[in-house]
């Protein structure tokens, strides 16, 4: 794939019908390598975001962190 920006890659992946699958894979691999790097010293929340498309995906820990923030603020989920 020859793309100059994340947005261009997202467009191509979306048009091919594989965006969600690729995003999940990127999150999984990112989590794997970051966990190896920190050797269990911290829990990692991963959020993939595009200025043009907004939230692309997140891992379970990021969801848990956001849920905790919403609960403490009393605002509930957006």
C-alpha atoms as a PDB file:
ATOM      1  CA  UNK A   1       0.000   0.000   0.000  1.00  0.00           C
ATOM      2  CA  UNK A   2       1.412   3.367  -1.000  1.00  0.00           C
ATOM      3  CA  UNK A   3      -0.172   6.020   1.239  1.00  0.00           C
ATOM      4  CA  UNK A   4       1.189   9.335   2.465  1.00  0.00           C
ATOM      5  CA  UNK A   5      -1.279   9.611   5.361  1.00  0.00           C
ATOM      6  CA  UNK A   6      -3.235   7.477   7.790  1.00  0.00           C
ATOM      7  CA  UNK A   7      -6.434   8.880   6.320  1.00  0.00           C
ATOM      8  CA  UNK A   8      -5.483   7.655   2.826  1.00  0.00           C
ATOM      9  CA  UNK A   9      -4.800   4.177   4.207  1.00  0.00           C
ATOM     10  CA  UNK A  10      -8.108   4.194   6.100  1.00  0.00           C
ATOM     11  CA  UNK A  11      -9.936   5.083   2.893  1.00  0.00           C
ATOM     12  CA  UNK A  12      -8.345   2.175   1.022  1.00  0.00           C
ATOM     13  CA  UNK A  13      -8.949  -0.318   3.837  1.00  0.00           C
ATOM     14  CA  UNK A  14     -12.553   0.847   4.234  1.00  0.00           C
ATOM     15  CA  UNK A  15     -13.232   0.539   0.504  1.00  0.00           C
ATOM     16  CA  UNK A  16     -11.759  -2.966   0.557  1.00  0.00           C
ATOM     17  CA  UNK A  17     -14.046  -3.927   3.460  1.00  0.00           C
ATOM     18  CA  UNK A  18     -11.194  -4.835   5.809  1.00  0.00           C
ATOM     19  CA  UNK A  19     -10.762  -1.718   7.955  1.00  0.00           C
ATOM     20  CA  UNK A  20     -12.168  -3.218  11.182  1.00  0.00           C
ATOM     21  CA  UNK A  21     -10.104  -6.383  10.804  1.00  0.00           C
ATOM     22  CA  UNK A  22      -6.894  -4.406  10.207  1.00  0.00           C
ATOM     23  CA  UNK A  23      -7.562  -2.008  13.105  1.00  0.00           C
ATOM     24  CA  UNK A  24      -8.097  -4.943  15.478  1.00  0.00           C
ATOM     25  CA  UNK A  25      -4.872  -6.528  14.264  1.00  0.00           C
ATOM     26  CA  UNK A  26      -2.895  -3.287  14.679  1.00  0.00           C
ATOM     27  CA  UNK A  27      -4.220  -2.880  18.225  1.00  0.00           C
ATOM     28  CA  UNK A  28      -3.423  -6.500  19.069  1.00  0.00           C
ATOM     29  CA  UNK A  29       0.139  -6.277  17.752  1.00  0.00           C
ATOM     30  CA  UNK A  30       0.713  -2.889  19.407  1.00  0.00           C
ATOM     31  CA  UNK A  31      -0.463  -4.282  22.723  1.00  0.00           C
ATOM     32  CA  UNK A  32       1.757  -7.350  22.338  1.00  0.00           C
ATOM     33  CA  UNK A  33       4.932  -5.371  21.634  1.00  0.00           C
ATOM     34  CA  UNK A  34       4.287  -2.718  24.284  1.00  0.00           C
ATOM     35  CA  UNK A  35       3.627  -5.410  26.888  1.00  0.00           C
ATOM     36  CA  UNK A  36       6.888  -7.098  25.955  1.00  0.00           C
ATOM     37  CA  UNK A  37       8.701  -3.767  26.233  1.00  0.00           C
ATOM     38  CA  UNK A  38       7.436  -2.887  29.716  1.00  0.00           C
ATOM     39  CA  UNK A  39       7.522  -6.450  31.080  1.00  0.00           C
ATOM     40  CA  UNK A  40       4.260  -6.160  32.996  1.00  0.00           C
ATOM     41  CA  UNK A  41       5.224  -2.998  34.910  1.00  0.00           C
ATOM     42  CA  UNK A  42       2.029  -1.216  33.858  1.00  0.00           C
ATOM     43  CA  UNK A  43      -1.269  -1.836  32.153  1.00  0.00           C
ATOM     44  CA  UNK A  44      -1.582  -0.287  28.707  1.00  0.00           C
ATOM     45  CA  UNK A  45      -4.629   1.351  27.195  1.00  0.00           C
ATOM     46  CA  UNK A  46      -4.323   1.739  23.425  1.00  0.00           C
ATOM     47  CA  UNK A  47      -6.462   4.140  21.416  1.00  0.00           C
ATOM     48  CA  UNK A  48      -6.146   4.601  17.646  1.00  0.00           C
ATOM     49  CA  UNK A  49      -7.443   7.956  16.513  1.00  0.00           C
ATOM     50  CA  UNK A  50      -7.522   9.846  13.225  1.00  0.00           C
ATOM     51  CA  UNK A  51      -8.040  13.597  12.981  1.00  0.00           C
ATOM     52  CA  UNK A  52     -10.328  13.028  10.007  1.00  0.00           C
ATOM     53  CA  UNK A  53     -12.210   9.875  11.084  1.00  0.00           C
ATOM     54  CA  UNK A  54     -12.030  10.138  14.869  1.00  0.00           C
ATOM     55  CA  UNK A  55     -11.831   6.993  16.958  1.00  0.00           C
ATOM     56  CA  UNK A  56     -10.665   4.008  14.930  1.00  0.00           C
ATOM     57  CA  UNK A  57     -10.420   1.507  17.769  1.00  0.00           C
ATOM     58  CA  UNK A  58      -9.155   0.721  21.254  1.00  0.00           C
ATOM     59  CA  UNK A  59      -8.145  -2.227  23.359  1.00  0.00           C
ATOM     60  CA  UNK A  60     -10.081  -3.563  26.358  1.00  0.00           C
ATOM     61  CA  UNK A  61      -7.890  -1.743  28.884  1.00  0.00           C
ATOM     62  CA  UNK A  62      -8.586   1.622  27.219  1.00  0.00           C
ATOM     63  CA  UNK A  63     -12.322   0.841  27.386  1.00  0.00           C
ATOM     64  CA  UNK A  64     -11.977   0.014  31.100  1.00  0.00           C
ATOM     65  CA  UNK A  65     -10.081   3.259  31.762  1.00  0.00           C
ATOM     66  CA  UNK A  66     -12.723   5.318  29.949  1.00  0.00           C
ATOM     67  CA  UNK A  67     -15.544   3.520  31.761  1.00  0.00           C
ATOM     68  CA  UNK A  68     -13.863   4.351  35.075  1.00  0.00           C
ATOM     69  CA  UNK A  69     -13.482   8.003  34.133  1.00  0.00           C
ATOM     70  CA  UNK A  70     -17.135   8.280  33.129  1.00  0.00           C
ATOM     71  CA  UNK A  71     -18.280   6.582  36.328  1.00  0.00           C
ATOM     72  CA  UNK A  72     -16.194   8.902  38.523  1.00  0.00           C
ATOM     73  CA  UNK A  73     -17.426  11.989  36.723  1.00  0.00           C
ATOM     74  CA  UNK A  74     -21.037  10.869  37.092  1.00  0.00           C
ATOM     75  CA  UNK A  75     -21.703  11.690  33.452  1.00  0.00           C
ATOM     76  CA  UNK A  76     -22.177   8.147  32.207  1.00  0.00           C
ATOM     77  CA  UNK A  77     -20.955   7.058  28.798  1.00  0.00           C
ATOM     78  CA  UNK A  78     -21.205   9.558  25.949  1.00  0.00           C
END
